[in-house]
N, C-alpha and C. Protein backbone atom coordinates (compact mmCIF):
# COMPACT_ATOMS: atom_id res chain seq x y z
N MET A 1 -6.27 -9.53 16.51
CA MET A 1 -6.54 -9.34 15.10
C MET A 1 -5.80 -8.09 14.62
N SER A 2 -5.07 -8.21 13.53
CA SER A 2 -4.29 -7.09 13.04
C SER A 2 -5.15 -6.17 12.18
N LYS A 3 -4.76 -4.92 12.18
CA LYS A 3 -5.47 -3.92 11.38
C LYS A 3 -4.87 -3.90 9.98
N THR A 4 -5.67 -3.48 9.01
CA THR A 4 -5.16 -3.36 7.65
C THR A 4 -5.38 -1.93 7.17
N SER A 5 -4.52 -1.52 6.26
CA SER A 5 -4.60 -0.19 5.68
C SER A 5 -4.52 -0.34 4.16
N THR A 6 -5.31 0.43 3.45
CA THR A 6 -5.30 0.37 1.99
C THR A 6 -4.15 1.22 1.47
N ARG A 7 -3.29 0.62 0.67
CA ARG A 7 -2.13 1.30 0.08
C ARG A 7 -2.17 1.14 -1.43
N VAL A 8 -1.58 2.08 -2.13
CA VAL A 8 -1.54 2.05 -3.60
C VAL A 8 -0.10 1.91 -4.02
N ARG A 9 0.15 0.98 -4.94
CA ARG A 9 1.51 0.70 -5.41
C ARG A 9 1.56 0.83 -6.93
N ASP A 10 2.67 1.35 -7.43
CA ASP A 10 2.90 1.45 -8.87
C ASP A 10 3.27 0.07 -9.40
N ALA A 11 2.64 -0.37 -10.47
CA ALA A 11 2.87 -1.72 -10.99
C ALA A 11 4.25 -1.86 -11.63
N GLY A 12 4.78 -0.80 -12.20
CA GLY A 12 6.07 -0.88 -12.87
C GLY A 12 7.24 -0.89 -11.91
N SER A 13 7.26 0.09 -10.99
CA SER A 13 8.41 0.23 -10.10
C SER A 13 8.22 -0.50 -8.77
N GLY A 14 6.98 -0.72 -8.36
CA GLY A 14 6.72 -1.39 -7.09
C GLY A 14 6.72 -0.45 -5.90
N LYS A 15 6.89 0.85 -6.14
CA LYS A 15 6.92 1.83 -5.06
C LYS A 15 5.51 2.28 -4.70
N PHE A 16 5.33 2.66 -3.42
CA PHE A 16 4.05 3.19 -2.99
C PHE A 16 3.86 4.59 -3.56
N VAL A 17 2.63 4.88 -4.00
CA VAL A 17 2.29 6.18 -4.56
C VAL A 17 1.04 6.70 -3.87
N PRO A 18 0.75 8.01 -3.96
CA PRO A 18 -0.47 8.55 -3.34
C PRO A 18 -1.74 8.00 -3.99
N ALA A 19 -2.84 8.02 -3.25
CA ALA A 19 -4.11 7.49 -3.76
C ALA A 19 -4.62 8.30 -4.95
N GLU A 20 -4.29 9.58 -5.01
CA GLU A 20 -4.72 10.42 -6.14
C GLU A 20 -4.10 9.92 -7.45
N GLU A 21 -2.90 9.37 -7.33
CA GLU A 21 -2.20 8.84 -8.50
C GLU A 21 -2.95 7.63 -9.07
N ALA A 22 -3.56 6.84 -8.22
CA ALA A 22 -4.32 5.67 -8.67
C ALA A 22 -5.56 6.09 -9.45
N ALA A 23 -6.16 7.19 -9.04
CA ALA A 23 -7.34 7.68 -9.76
C ALA A 23 -6.97 8.19 -11.15
N LYS A 24 -5.76 8.74 -11.28
CA LYS A 24 -5.31 9.25 -12.58
C LYS A 24 -4.87 8.13 -13.52
N ARG A 25 -4.19 7.11 -12.96
CA ARG A 25 -3.65 6.02 -13.77
C ARG A 25 -4.10 4.66 -13.24
N PRO A 26 -5.36 4.29 -13.43
CA PRO A 26 -5.84 3.02 -12.85
C PRO A 26 -5.23 1.77 -13.48
N LYS A 27 -4.74 1.87 -14.71
CA LYS A 27 -4.18 0.68 -15.37
C LYS A 27 -2.77 0.35 -14.88
N THR A 28 -2.07 1.33 -14.34
CA THR A 28 -0.68 1.09 -13.94
C THR A 28 -0.49 1.11 -12.43
N THR A 29 -1.58 1.09 -11.65
CA THR A 29 -1.46 1.07 -10.20
C THR A 29 -2.24 -0.11 -9.62
N ILE A 30 -1.80 -0.57 -8.46
CA ILE A 30 -2.42 -1.70 -7.77
C ILE A 30 -2.81 -1.23 -6.37
N THR A 31 -4.07 -1.45 -5.99
CA THR A 31 -4.53 -1.13 -4.64
C THR A 31 -4.52 -2.42 -3.84
N GLU A 32 -3.84 -2.39 -2.70
CA GLU A 32 -3.74 -3.59 -1.87
C GLU A 32 -3.90 -3.23 -0.41
N LYS A 33 -4.20 -4.23 0.41
CA LYS A 33 -4.33 -4.03 1.85
C LYS A 33 -3.06 -4.54 2.51
N VAL A 34 -2.47 -3.71 3.37
CA VAL A 34 -1.22 -4.02 4.06
C VAL A 34 -1.49 -4.06 5.55
N LYS A 35 -0.96 -5.09 6.23
CA LYS A 35 -1.13 -5.17 7.68
C LYS A 35 -0.33 -4.07 8.35
N VAL A 36 -0.94 -3.40 9.32
CA VAL A 36 -0.28 -2.38 10.09
C VAL A 36 -0.52 -2.67 11.56
N GLY A 37 0.39 -2.26 12.39
CA GLY A 37 0.24 -2.49 13.82
C GLY A 37 1.52 -2.18 14.53
N PRO A 38 1.57 -2.49 15.82
CA PRO A 38 2.77 -2.20 16.58
C PRO A 38 3.95 -3.07 16.15
N VAL A 39 5.14 -2.51 16.26
CA VAL A 39 6.36 -3.24 15.91
C VAL A 39 6.65 -4.23 17.05
N LYS A 40 6.99 -5.45 16.69
CA LYS A 40 7.29 -6.46 17.70
C LYS A 40 8.61 -6.12 18.40
N LYS A 41 8.68 -6.43 19.68
CA LYS A 41 9.87 -6.15 20.45
C LYS A 41 11.00 -7.07 20.03
N ARG A 42 12.18 -6.50 19.91
CA ARG A 42 13.37 -7.30 19.56
C ARG A 42 14.10 -7.67 20.82
N SER A 43 14.60 -8.89 20.87
CA SER A 43 15.31 -9.34 22.08
C SER A 43 16.80 -9.20 21.93
């Protein structure tokens, strides 16, 4: 089972922003869960 991490993204630019930014501008930010885990080995 993969782990998830809560990330905040700017709705206009699509870039990740700090969580404090979401508290200041809740209408222009999106909080989403992103899968995190070890990187798969490349062959």
